[in-house]
Amino acid sequence: MSQAKEMHSTVICLREGTILFVRKEALEWSLPGGKIEPGEQPVEAARRELREETTLPLGGEQFLGHFVFESEEHYLYRMTVIVSMRPPPSDEIVECRWFTLEELQQVAVKPTNLKLLKRVGPLFQE
């Protein structure tokens, strides 16, 4: 019998050619998001996680898809952030940072997040 997959809501936040990543205590960066709680809808989890991790409100979100991996499933949303909004780290997050795609290649990124970015293709066509 197969083990149940973890259900996640993940948010791609874009701002002027950059994408927001967050970091907990580990050195690995990840997209904002997290586990969907029992009874919670994926978009509700995306709103909660983004607010908990960055204090940003999820608004104008676009559903990008539902992606299934070996041990996780991700409901992926995209949101454009206005330039004046500066997300401070919150909750268990120690750092929030905007990256260009080139800068992302220079840091450790959660492998599942890299797979998500590859699946959605070009992101900076706003």
N, C-alpha and C. Protein backbone atom coordinates (compact mmCIF):
# COMPACT_ATOMS: atom_id res chain seq x y z
N MET A 1 0.84 -1.18 0.00
CA MET A 1 0.00 0.00 0.00
C MET A 1 0.89 1.25 0.00
N SER A 2 0.56 2.20 -0.85
CA SER A 2 1.40 3.41 -0.94
C SER A 2 1.05 4.40 0.16
N GLN A 3 2.07 5.14 0.58
CA GLN A 3 1.91 6.14 1.63
C GLN A 3 1.27 7.39 1.02
N ALA A 4 0.41 8.07 1.78
CA ALA A 4 -0.24 9.28 1.29
C ALA A 4 0.80 10.37 1.05
N LYS A 5 0.59 11.13 0.00
CA LYS A 5 1.49 12.22 -0.33
C LYS A 5 1.14 13.45 0.51
N GLU A 6 2.17 14.24 0.84
CA GLU A 6 1.93 15.51 1.53
C GLU A 6 1.31 16.48 0.53
N MET A 7 0.28 17.19 0.97
CA MET A 7 -0.41 18.17 0.12
C MET A 7 0.09 19.56 0.47
N HIS A 8 0.55 20.31 -0.53
CA HIS A 8 1.12 21.64 -0.33
C HIS A 8 0.44 22.66 -1.22
N SER A 9 0.40 23.89 -0.75
CA SER A 9 0.07 25.04 -1.58
C SER A 9 1.33 25.88 -1.64
N THR A 10 1.69 26.28 -2.84
CA THR A 10 2.94 27.00 -3.08
C THR A 10 2.64 28.24 -3.91
N VAL A 11 3.36 29.33 -3.62
CA VAL A 11 3.10 30.59 -4.30
C VAL A 11 4.37 31.10 -4.98
N ILE A 12 4.24 31.43 -6.25
CA ILE A 12 5.30 32.11 -6.99
C ILE A 12 4.95 33.59 -6.98
N CYS A 13 5.76 34.38 -6.28
CA CYS A 13 5.57 35.83 -6.21
C CYS A 13 6.58 36.49 -7.14
N LEU A 14 6.08 37.29 -8.06
CA LEU A 14 6.93 37.95 -9.04
C LEU A 14 6.92 39.46 -8.84
N ARG A 15 8.09 40.07 -9.08
CA ARG A 15 8.21 41.52 -8.99
C ARG A 15 9.34 41.97 -9.91
N GLU A 16 9.01 42.71 -10.94
CA GLU A 16 10.00 43.31 -11.84
C GLU A 16 11.13 42.36 -12.23
N GLY A 17 10.80 41.21 -12.79
CA GLY A 17 11.82 40.28 -13.26
C GLY A 17 12.50 39.47 -12.18
N THR A 18 11.95 39.49 -10.97
CA THR A 18 12.52 38.69 -9.88
C THR A 18 11.43 37.83 -9.26
N ILE A 19 11.87 36.81 -8.54
CA ILE A 19 10.96 35.87 -7.90
C ILE A 19 11.33 35.76 -6.42
N LEU A 20 10.31 35.69 -5.56
CA LEU A 20 10.53 35.67 -4.12
C LEU A 20 10.79 34.25 -3.62
N PHE A 21 11.87 34.11 -2.85
CA PHE A 21 12.17 32.86 -2.17
C PHE A 21 12.36 33.16 -0.69
N VAL A 22 12.10 32.16 0.14
CA VAL A 22 12.25 32.30 1.58
C VAL A 22 13.20 31.21 2.08
N ARG A 23 13.77 31.47 3.25
CA ARG A 23 14.70 30.51 3.83
C ARG A 23 14.41 30.36 5.31
N LYS A 24 14.35 29.10 5.74
CA LYS A 24 14.26 28.82 7.17
C LYS A 24 15.69 28.76 7.69
N GLU A 25 15.94 28.10 8.79
CA GLU A 25 17.29 28.01 9.36
C GLU A 25 18.29 27.33 8.42
N ALA A 26 17.82 26.41 7.60
CA ALA A 26 18.71 25.70 6.67
C ALA A 26 19.19 26.66 5.58
N LEU A 27 20.19 26.25 4.83
CA LEU A 27 20.73 27.09 3.78
C LEU A 27 19.90 27.03 2.49
N GLU A 28 18.99 26.07 2.41
CA GLU A 28 18.20 25.87 1.20
C GLU A 28 17.04 26.87 1.11
N TRP A 29 16.87 27.47 -0.06
CA TRP A 29 15.79 28.42 -0.32
C TRP A 29 14.58 27.69 -0.88
N SER A 30 13.39 28.24 -0.62
CA SER A 30 12.17 27.65 -1.17
C SER A 30 11.15 28.73 -1.50
N LEU A 31 10.21 28.37 -2.34
CA LEU A 31 9.09 29.25 -2.63
C LEU A 31 8.22 29.33 -1.39
N PRO A 32 7.55 30.45 -1.16
CA PRO A 32 6.63 30.53 -0.02
C PRO A 32 5.52 29.48 -0.17
N GLY A 33 5.14 28.89 0.93
CA GLY A 33 4.06 27.89 0.90
C GLY A 33 4.26 26.86 1.98
N GLY A 34 3.37 25.88 1.98
CA GLY A 34 3.47 24.84 2.98
C GLY A 34 2.32 23.86 2.90
N LYS A 35 2.22 23.04 3.92
CA LYS A 35 1.22 21.97 3.95
C LYS A 35 -0.20 22.53 4.05
N ILE A 36 -1.09 21.83 3.37
CA ILE A 36 -2.52 22.15 3.45
C ILE A 36 -3.07 21.43 4.67
N GLU A 37 -3.74 22.17 5.54
CA GLU A 37 -4.29 21.59 6.75
C GLU A 37 -5.62 20.90 6.45
N PRO A 38 -6.01 19.89 7.27
CA PRO A 38 -7.27 19.19 7.05
C PRO A 38 -8.44 20.16 6.96
N GLY A 39 -9.28 19.98 5.94
CA GLY A 39 -10.45 20.83 5.75
C GLY A 39 -10.17 22.15 5.07
N GLU A 40 -8.91 22.43 4.78
CA GLU A 40 -8.53 23.69 4.17
C GLU A 40 -8.47 23.54 2.65
N GLN A 41 -8.97 24.53 1.93
CA GLN A 41 -8.87 24.54 0.47
C GLN A 41 -7.45 24.98 0.08
N PRO A 42 -6.93 24.51 -1.06
CA PRO A 42 -5.58 24.88 -1.47
C PRO A 42 -5.34 26.39 -1.52
N VAL A 43 -6.26 27.17 -2.05
CA VAL A 43 -6.05 28.62 -2.13
C VAL A 43 -6.03 29.24 -0.73
N GLU A 44 -6.83 28.69 0.20
CA GLU A 44 -6.80 29.18 1.59
C GLU A 44 -5.44 28.90 2.22
N ALA A 45 -4.90 27.71 1.95
CA ALA A 45 -3.57 27.36 2.48
C ALA A 45 -2.51 28.28 1.89
N ALA A 46 -2.62 28.59 0.60
CA ALA A 46 -1.66 29.49 -0.04
C ALA A 46 -1.71 30.86 0.63
N ARG A 47 -2.91 31.38 0.88
CA ARG A 47 -3.06 32.68 1.55
C ARG A 47 -2.44 32.65 2.95
N ARG A 48 -2.76 31.62 3.70
CA ARG A 48 -2.28 31.50 5.08
C ARG A 48 -0.75 31.40 5.11
N GLU A 49 -0.21 30.51 4.30
CA GLU A 49 1.24 30.30 4.30
C GLU A 49 2.00 31.55 3.86
N LEU A 50 1.51 32.22 2.83
CA LEU A 50 2.20 33.42 2.35
C LEU A 50 2.17 34.50 3.43
N ARG A 51 1.03 34.66 4.09
CA ARG A 51 0.91 35.66 5.16
C ARG A 51 1.80 35.28 6.35
N GLU A 52 1.81 33.99 6.73
CA GLU A 52 2.63 33.55 7.86
C GLU A 52 4.13 33.72 7.59
N GLU A 53 4.55 33.46 6.36
CA GLU A 53 5.99 33.47 6.05
C GLU A 53 6.52 34.83 5.66
N THR A 54 5.68 35.69 5.04
CA THR A 54 6.19 36.94 4.48
C THR A 54 5.37 38.17 4.87
N THR A 55 4.24 37.99 5.47
CA THR A 55 3.22 39.00 5.79
C THR A 55 2.54 39.57 4.54
N LEU A 56 2.88 39.08 3.34
CA LEU A 56 2.21 39.54 2.12
C LEU A 56 0.81 38.95 2.04
N PRO A 57 -0.17 39.75 1.60
CA PRO A 57 -1.50 39.20 1.37
C PRO A 57 -1.54 38.60 -0.04
N LEU A 58 -2.13 37.43 -0.18
CA LEU A 58 -2.28 36.82 -1.50
C LEU A 58 -3.41 37.53 -2.21
N GLY A 59 -3.10 38.19 -3.30
CA GLY A 59 -4.11 38.92 -4.05
C GLY A 59 -3.82 38.84 -5.53
N GLY A 60 -4.86 38.80 -6.34
CA GLY A 60 -4.69 38.71 -7.78
C GLY A 60 -4.01 37.42 -8.18
N GLU A 61 -4.22 36.37 -7.39
CA GLU A 61 -3.53 35.11 -7.65
C GLU A 61 -4.08 34.45 -8.91
N GLN A 62 -3.19 33.73 -9.56
CA GLN A 62 -3.53 32.95 -10.75
C GLN A 62 -3.17 31.50 -10.44
N PHE A 63 -4.11 30.59 -10.59
CA PHE A 63 -3.84 29.17 -10.37
C PHE A 63 -3.05 28.64 -11.55
N LEU A 64 -1.87 28.09 -11.28
CA LEU A 64 -0.99 27.58 -12.34
C LEU A 64 -1.12 26.08 -12.56
N GLY A 65 -1.62 25.37 -11.56
CA GLY A 65 -1.79 23.94 -11.74
C GLY A 65 -1.57 23.13 -10.49
N HIS A 66 -1.87 21.85 -10.64
CA HIS A 66 -1.71 20.86 -9.58
C HIS A 66 -0.64 19.89 -10.06
N PHE A 67 0.44 19.79 -9.30
CA PHE A 67 1.59 18.98 -9.73
C PHE A 67 1.85 17.88 -8.70
N VAL A 68 2.02 16.66 -9.20
CA VAL A 68 2.21 15.50 -8.33
C VAL A 68 3.64 14.98 -8.49
N PHE A 69 4.33 14.86 -7.37
CA PHE A 69 5.67 14.31 -7.33
C PHE A 69 5.65 13.04 -6.50
N GLU A 70 6.81 12.42 -6.34
CA GLU A 70 6.89 11.14 -5.64
C GLU A 70 6.27 11.18 -4.24
N SER A 71 6.61 12.18 -3.43
CA SER A 71 6.11 12.20 -2.06
C SER A 71 5.26 13.43 -1.73
N GLU A 72 5.10 14.34 -2.71
CA GLU A 72 4.36 15.58 -2.46
C GLU A 72 3.46 15.92 -3.64
N GLU A 73 2.39 16.65 -3.32
CA GLU A 73 1.54 17.25 -4.34
C GLU A 73 1.52 18.74 -4.06
N HIS A 74 1.57 19.55 -5.12
CA HIS A 74 1.59 21.01 -4.97
C HIS A 74 0.48 21.64 -5.79
N TYR A 75 -0.29 22.50 -5.14
CA TYR A 75 -1.21 23.39 -5.83
C TYR A 75 -0.45 24.70 -5.96
N LEU A 76 -0.20 25.11 -7.18
CA LEU A 76 0.70 26.22 -7.43
C LEU A 76 -0.06 27.46 -7.88
N TYR A 77 0.25 28.58 -7.24
CA TYR A 77 -0.36 29.87 -7.55
C TYR A 77 0.72 30.87 -7.91
N ARG A 78 0.35 31.83 -8.73
CA ARG A 78 1.26 32.92 -9.10
C ARG A 78 0.63 34.24 -8.69
N MET A 79 1.46 35.16 -8.22
CA MET A 79 0.99 36.47 -7.80
C MET A 79 2.04 37.50 -8.16
N THR A 80 1.60 38.66 -8.66
CA THR A 80 2.52 39.76 -8.92
C THR A 80 2.48 40.70 -7.73
N VAL A 81 3.65 41.08 -7.25
CA VAL A 81 3.77 41.94 -6.07
C VAL A 81 4.18 43.33 -6.53
N ILE A 82 3.49 44.35 -6.02
CA ILE A 82 3.86 45.71 -6.39
C ILE A 82 5.20 46.07 -5.76
N VAL A 83 5.94 46.90 -6.45
CA VAL A 83 7.32 47.22 -6.06
C VAL A 83 7.43 47.73 -4.63
N SER A 84 6.47 48.52 -4.17
CA SER A 84 6.57 49.12 -2.84
C SER A 84 6.44 48.11 -1.70
N MET A 85 5.94 46.91 -1.99
CA MET A 85 5.76 45.90 -0.93
C MET A 85 7.08 45.19 -0.67
N ARG A 86 7.53 45.24 0.59
CA ARG A 86 8.79 44.61 1.00
C ARG A 86 8.47 43.54 2.04
N PRO A 87 8.50 42.27 1.66
CA PRO A 87 8.14 41.22 2.61
C PRO A 87 9.22 40.97 3.66
N PRO A 88 8.90 41.17 4.92
CA PRO A 88 9.85 40.80 5.97
C PRO A 88 9.67 39.33 6.33
N PRO A 89 10.71 38.65 6.77
CA PRO A 89 10.54 37.27 7.21
C PRO A 89 9.62 37.23 8.42
N SER A 90 8.83 36.19 8.50
CA SER A 90 7.87 36.06 9.58
C SER A 90 7.75 34.58 9.96
N ASP A 91 7.22 34.32 11.13
CA ASP A 91 7.01 32.95 11.61
C ASP A 91 8.34 32.20 11.64
N GLU A 92 8.45 31.07 10.94
CA GLU A 92 9.67 30.26 10.99
C GLU A 92 10.70 30.68 9.95
N ILE A 93 10.41 31.70 9.17
CA ILE A 93 11.29 32.15 8.10
C ILE A 93 12.34 33.12 8.65
N VAL A 94 13.60 32.93 8.26
CA VAL A 94 14.66 33.82 8.73
C VAL A 94 15.07 34.86 7.68
N GLU A 95 14.71 34.60 6.40
CA GLU A 95 15.10 35.53 5.35
C GLU A 95 14.17 35.41 4.15
N CYS A 96 13.80 36.56 3.58
CA CYS A 96 13.05 36.65 2.33
C CYS A 96 13.96 37.38 1.34
N ARG A 97 13.99 36.89 0.11
CA ARG A 97 14.86 37.54 -0.86
C ARG A 97 14.31 37.39 -2.27
N TRP A 98 14.43 38.47 -3.05
CA TRP A 98 14.05 38.47 -4.46
C TRP A 98 15.26 38.04 -5.28
N PHE A 99 15.07 37.08 -6.17
CA PHE A 99 16.14 36.56 -7.01
C PHE A 99 15.79 36.72 -8.49
N THR A 100 16.81 36.99 -9.30
CA THR A 100 16.65 36.83 -10.74
C THR A 100 16.85 35.34 -11.02
N LEU A 101 16.49 34.88 -12.19
CA LEU A 101 16.71 33.47 -12.52
C LEU A 101 18.20 33.13 -12.50
N GLU A 102 19.03 34.07 -12.90
CA GLU A 102 20.48 33.84 -12.88
C GLU A 102 20.99 33.70 -11.44
N GLU A 103 20.51 34.54 -10.54
CA GLU A 103 20.94 34.47 -9.14
C GLU A 103 20.51 33.16 -8.48
N LEU A 104 19.36 32.64 -8.88
CA LEU A 104 18.86 31.38 -8.31
C LEU A 104 19.81 30.22 -8.60
N GLN A 105 20.53 30.31 -9.69
CA GLN A 105 21.46 29.24 -10.05
C GLN A 105 22.69 29.22 -9.15
N GLN A 106 22.88 30.26 -8.35
CA GLN A 106 24.06 30.38 -7.49
C GLN A 106 23.79 29.96 -6.04
N VAL A 107 22.54 29.60 -5.71
CA VAL A 107 22.19 29.24 -4.33
C VAL A 107 21.52 27.87 -4.31
N ALA A 108 21.45 27.27 -3.12
CA ALA A 108 20.77 25.99 -2.94
C ALA A 108 19.26 26.24 -2.89
N VAL A 109 18.53 25.52 -3.74
CA VAL A 109 17.07 25.66 -3.82
C VAL A 109 16.45 24.28 -3.62
N LYS A 110 15.35 24.23 -2.90
CA LYS A 110 14.64 22.97 -2.67
C LYS A 110 14.36 22.29 -4.02
N PRO A 111 14.79 21.04 -4.20
CA PRO A 111 14.64 20.36 -5.49
C PRO A 111 13.21 20.34 -6.04
N THR A 112 12.22 20.14 -5.18
CA THR A 112 10.84 20.14 -5.64
C THR A 112 10.46 21.49 -6.23
N ASN A 113 10.97 22.57 -5.64
CA ASN A 113 10.67 23.91 -6.15
C ASN A 113 11.28 24.11 -7.54
N LEU A 114 12.47 23.59 -7.77
CA LEU A 114 13.07 23.66 -9.09
C LEU A 114 12.21 22.92 -10.12
N LYS A 115 11.69 21.76 -9.72
CA LYS A 115 10.80 21.00 -10.61
C LYS A 115 9.54 21.80 -10.94
N LEU A 116 8.98 22.48 -9.93
CA LEU A 116 7.79 23.29 -10.17
C LEU A 116 8.08 24.41 -11.16
N LEU A 117 9.20 25.09 -10.98
CA LEU A 117 9.57 26.18 -11.88
C LEU A 117 9.74 25.68 -13.31
N LYS A 118 10.33 24.51 -13.47
CA LYS A 118 10.52 23.94 -14.81
C LYS A 118 9.18 23.58 -15.44
N ARG A 119 8.25 23.09 -14.63
CA ARG A 119 6.94 22.69 -15.16
C ARG A 119 6.10 23.87 -15.64
N VAL A 120 6.24 25.03 -15.00
CA VAL A 120 5.41 26.17 -15.39
C VAL A 120 6.06 26.99 -16.50
N GLY A 121 7.33 26.73 -16.82
CA GLY A 121 7.96 27.42 -17.93
C GLY A 121 8.27 28.87 -17.65
N PRO A 122 8.35 29.68 -18.72
CA PRO A 122 8.70 31.11 -18.55
C PRO A 122 7.74 31.82 -17.62
N LEU A 123 8.29 32.49 -16.61
CA LEU A 123 7.46 33.13 -15.59
C LEU A 123 7.34 34.64 -15.76
N PHE A 124 8.30 35.25 -16.39
CA PHE A 124 8.38 36.69 -16.36
C PHE A 124 7.69 37.35 -17.54
N GLN A 125 6.60 36.75 -18.00
CA GLN A 125 5.81 37.34 -19.08
C GLN A 125 4.57 37.93 -18.45
N GLU A 126 4.68 39.11 -17.89
CA GLU A 126 3.59 39.72 -17.12
C GLU A 126 2.69 40.56 -17.96
